[in-house]
């Protein structure tokens, strides 16, 4: 059964259809929540809450955007609400995804063990710095640079214009860059590389 048919049947109240639809997006929802919280337990709670909201609000989906975009929007809103309510610090430096990779991914420079260690250190620094950014900067970086969503999808998720997405992303990247250059950990990392 294709996605459109699952959506139609879900909106008609077929429990099996909504369960099938949620099954298709369960991994995406959890991974997105994990990007905000880092902790598996907090991500699982937020993902569960997002799936309950999707289940209850499936009738609100009008098809003006892709269903995936709507799922991102619901999940992002749940994560942001949780962060606001509980003041949870997202993206802990020590946390990793289900495969053990650090939360913030940096392209690997090869299989050289020394290079891999340097990349790991850089990921840790960037992950820590990401937690210090303002919420709107953190959200836009998660959606674009970590999740790889298109500008149009992000605009739909955040309910803003394409121009706003681009300008907010530029400001967020600049804020992260400034913090990276000012961080004592970064200085040590750079000095270590220059000595090598």
Protein backbone atom coordinates (compact mmCIF):
# COMPACT_ATOMS: atom_id res chain seq x y z
CA UNK A 1 0.00 0.00 0.00
CA UNK A 2 1.47 3.39 -0.92
CA UNK A 3 1.83 6.30 1.51
CA UNK A 4 -1.09 8.30 0.13
CA UNK A 5 -3.40 5.35 0.59
CA UNK A 6 -2.13 4.83 4.14
CA UNK A 7 -2.77 8.51 4.89
CA UNK A 8 -6.27 8.36 3.42
CA UNK A 9 -7.15 5.23 5.40
CA UNK A 10 -5.57 6.66 8.56
CA UNK A 11 -7.69 9.78 8.25
CA UNK A 12 -10.72 7.53 7.81
CA UNK A 13 -9.93 5.99 11.20
CA UNK A 14 -8.32 2.68 10.21
CA UNK A 15 -6.06 1.76 13.11
CA UNK A 16 -3.94 -0.65 11.06
CA UNK A 17 -3.25 2.07 8.48
CA UNK A 18 -2.07 4.63 11.05
CA UNK A 19 0.09 1.99 12.73
CA UNK A 20 1.61 1.14 9.35
CA UNK A 21 2.19 4.81 8.60
CA UNK A 22 3.81 5.42 11.98
CA UNK A 23 5.95 2.33 11.48
CA UNK A 24 7.37 3.89 8.31
CA UNK A 25 8.39 7.04 10.20
CA UNK A 26 9.32 5.65 13.62
CA UNK A 27 13.07 5.67 12.92
CA UNK A 28 13.03 9.16 11.46
CA UNK A 29 11.07 10.50 14.45
CA UNK A 30 13.39 8.91 16.98
CA UNK A 31 16.56 10.04 15.18
CA UNK A 32 15.30 13.62 14.95
CA UNK A 33 14.42 13.63 18.66
CA UNK A 34 17.85 12.21 19.43
CA UNK A 35 19.45 15.15 17.61
CA UNK A 36 17.75 17.52 20.04
CA UNK A 37 18.37 15.63 23.27
CA UNK A 38 21.28 13.28 22.71
CA UNK A 39 19.99 11.05 25.48
CA UNK A 40 18.31 7.85 24.31
CA UNK A 41 15.72 7.95 27.11
CA UNK A 42 14.71 11.57 26.46
CA UNK A 43 14.68 10.98 22.71
CA UNK A 44 12.48 7.90 23.15
CA UNK A 45 10.02 9.86 25.32
CA UNK A 46 9.85 12.74 22.84
CA UNK A 47 9.51 10.34 19.89
CA UNK A 48 6.66 8.53 21.64
CA UNK A 49 4.90 11.82 22.35
CA UNK A 50 5.36 12.89 18.72
CA UNK A 51 3.88 9.61 17.45
CA UNK A 52 0.88 10.00 19.76
CA UNK A 53 0.33 13.53 18.43
CA UNK A 54 0.60 12.34 14.84
CA UNK A 55 -1.86 9.53 15.62
CA UNK A 56 -4.34 11.95 17.19
CA UNK A 57 -3.90 14.72 14.61
CA UNK A 58 -3.67 12.74 11.39
CA UNK A 59 -6.94 14.37 10.34
CA UNK A 60 -5.24 17.78 10.44
CA UNK A 61 -2.84 16.82 7.67
CA UNK A 62 -4.19 18.55 4.56
CA UNK A 63 -1.53 17.61 2.03
CA UNK A 64 -0.23 21.17 1.52
CA UNK A 65 3.27 19.80 2.11
CA UNK A 66 4.82 16.36 1.98
CA UNK A 67 3.71 14.08 4.80
CA UNK A 68 7.36 13.75 5.84
CA UNK A 69 7.55 17.53 6.27
CA UNK A 70 4.44 17.44 8.47
CA UNK A 71 6.01 14.65 10.56
CA UNK A 72 9.17 16.76 10.97
CA UNK A 73 7.06 19.74 12.03
CA UNK A 74 5.13 17.78 14.67
CA UNK A 75 8.29 16.14 16.01
CA UNK A 76 10.26 19.40 16.08
CA UNK A 77 7.45 21.13 17.95
CA UNK A 78 7.29 18.32 20.53
CA UNK A 79 11.05 18.50 21.05
CA UNK A 80 11.07 22.28 21.39
CA UNK A 81 8.12 22.20 23.82
CA UNK A 82 9.92 19.60 25.92
CA UNK A 83 13.12 21.63 25.94
CA UNK A 84 11.22 24.74 27.02
CA UNK A 85 9.25 22.95 29.75
CA UNK A 86 12.11 21.06 31.30
CA UNK A 87 15.11 23.14 30.29
CA UNK A 88 16.84 20.00 29.07
CA UNK A 89 20.31 20.51 27.68
CA UNK A 90 20.29 18.86 24.26
CA UNK A 91 23.14 17.12 22.50
CA UNK A 92 25.34 16.06 25.39
CA UNK A 93 28.99 15.76 24.51
CA UNK A 94 29.15 12.12 25.57
CA UNK A 95 26.04 10.96 23.73
CA UNK A 96 25.93 9.09 20.47
CA UNK A 97 23.35 7.66 18.14
CA UNK A 98 22.25 4.02 18.01
CA UNK A 99 25.34 3.07 16.00
CA UNK A 100 27.69 4.72 18.51
CA UNK A 101 28.47 7.70 16.28
CA UNK A 102 28.68 11.13 17.92
CA UNK A 103 25.54 13.18 17.63
CA UNK A 104 27.08 15.84 15.37
CA UNK A 105 28.55 14.31 12.25
CA UNK A 106 31.61 15.67 10.47
CA UNK A 107 32.65 14.01 7.20
CA UNK A 108 35.46 11.56 7.77
CA UNK A 109 38.77 12.26 6.11
CA UNK A 110 39.63 8.59 5.60
CA UNK A 111 40.44 5.48 7.56
CA UNK A 112 43.75 6.75 9.00
CA UNK A 113 43.46 6.18 12.79
CA UNK A 114 45.11 9.51 13.61
CA UNK A 115 42.76 11.34 11.28
CA UNK A 116 39.79 9.45 12.75
CA UNK A 117 40.81 10.55 16.25
CA UNK A 118 41.07 14.17 15.10
CA UNK A 119 37.62 13.94 13.50
CA UNK A 120 36.22 12.48 16.72
CA UNK A 121 37.68 15.35 18.75
CA UNK A 122 36.25 17.87 16.28
CA UNK A 123 32.80 16.23 16.51
CA UNK A 124 32.89 16.46 20.29
CA UNK A 125 33.86 20.14 20.19
CA UNK A 126 31.13 20.98 17.67
CA UNK A 127 28.52 18.97 19.57
CA UNK A 128 29.31 20.82 22.79
CA UNK A 129 29.27 24.20 21.05
CA UNK A 130 25.92 23.41 19.41
CA UNK A 131 24.35 23.07 22.86
CA UNK A 132 25.35 26.65 23.67
CA UNK A 133 23.53 28.20 20.70
CA UNK A 134 20.17 29.93 20.90
CA UNK A 135 17.21 27.63 20.28
CA UNK A 136 16.38 29.03 16.82
CA UNK A 137 20.01 28.60 15.73
CA UNK A 138 20.22 25.07 17.12
CA UNK A 139 16.96 24.06 15.39
CA UNK A 140 17.98 25.35 11.98
CA UNK A 141 21.41 23.65 12.18
CA UNK A 142 19.85 20.35 13.23
CA UNK A 143 17.31 20.42 10.39
CA UNK A 144 19.69 21.56 7.64
CA UNK A 145 23.20 20.42 8.53
CA UNK A 146 22.46 17.29 10.55
CA UNK A 147 19.20 16.06 9.02
CA UNK A 148 20.01 17.37 5.54
CA UNK A 149 16.56 18.79 4.82
CA UNK A 150 15.98 21.13 1.88
CA UNK A 151 15.35 24.81 2.56
CA UNK A 152 11.75 24.43 1.38
CA UNK A 153 11.14 21.57 3.83
CA UNK A 154 12.60 23.59 6.70
CA UNK A 155 10.42 26.56 5.80
CA UNK A 156 7.37 24.29 5.95
CA UNK A 157 8.41 22.78 9.26
CA UNK A 158 9.14 26.10 10.92
CA UNK A 159 6.30 27.98 9.23
CA UNK A 160 8.50 30.74 7.85
CA UNK A 161 9.65 32.01 4.49
CA UNK A 162 12.51 30.61 2.45
CA UNK A 163 14.42 33.87 2.95
CA UNK A 164 14.02 33.58 6.72
CA UNK A 165 15.39 30.03 6.65
CA UNK A 166 18.44 31.10 4.65
CA UNK A 167 19.19 34.16 6.77
CA UNK A 168 18.63 32.27 10.05
CA UNK A 169 20.91 29.47 8.82
CA UNK A 170 23.63 31.96 7.89
CA UNK A 171 23.39 33.59 11.33
CA UNK A 172 23.43 30.18 13.06
CA UNK A 173 26.49 29.03 11.15
CA UNK A 174 28.24 32.30 11.92
CA UNK A 175 27.37 31.99 15.63
CA UNK A 176 28.73 28.43 15.67
CA UNK A 177 31.87 29.54 13.81
CA UNK A 178 32.51 32.38 16.30
CA UNK A 179 32.08 30.04 19.25
CA UNK A 180 34.32 27.47 17.60
CA UNK A 181 37.12 30.00 17.12
CA UNK A 182 36.73 31.39 20.66
CA UNK A 183 36.58 28.05 22.45
CA UNK A 184 39.60 27.07 24.58
CA UNK A 185 39.03 23.45 23.52
CA UNK A 186 39.25 24.50 19.88
CA UNK A 187 42.49 26.36 20.51
CA UNK A 188 43.99 23.22 22.05
CA UNK A 189 42.72 21.09 19.19
CA UNK A 190 44.19 23.45 16.57
CA UNK A 191 47.52 23.68 18.40
CA UNK A 192 47.66 19.88 18.61
CA UNK A 193 47.18 19.60 14.86
CA UNK A 194 49.86 22.23 14.15
CA UNK A 195 52.39 20.34 16.27
CA UNK A 196 51.70 17.08 14.43
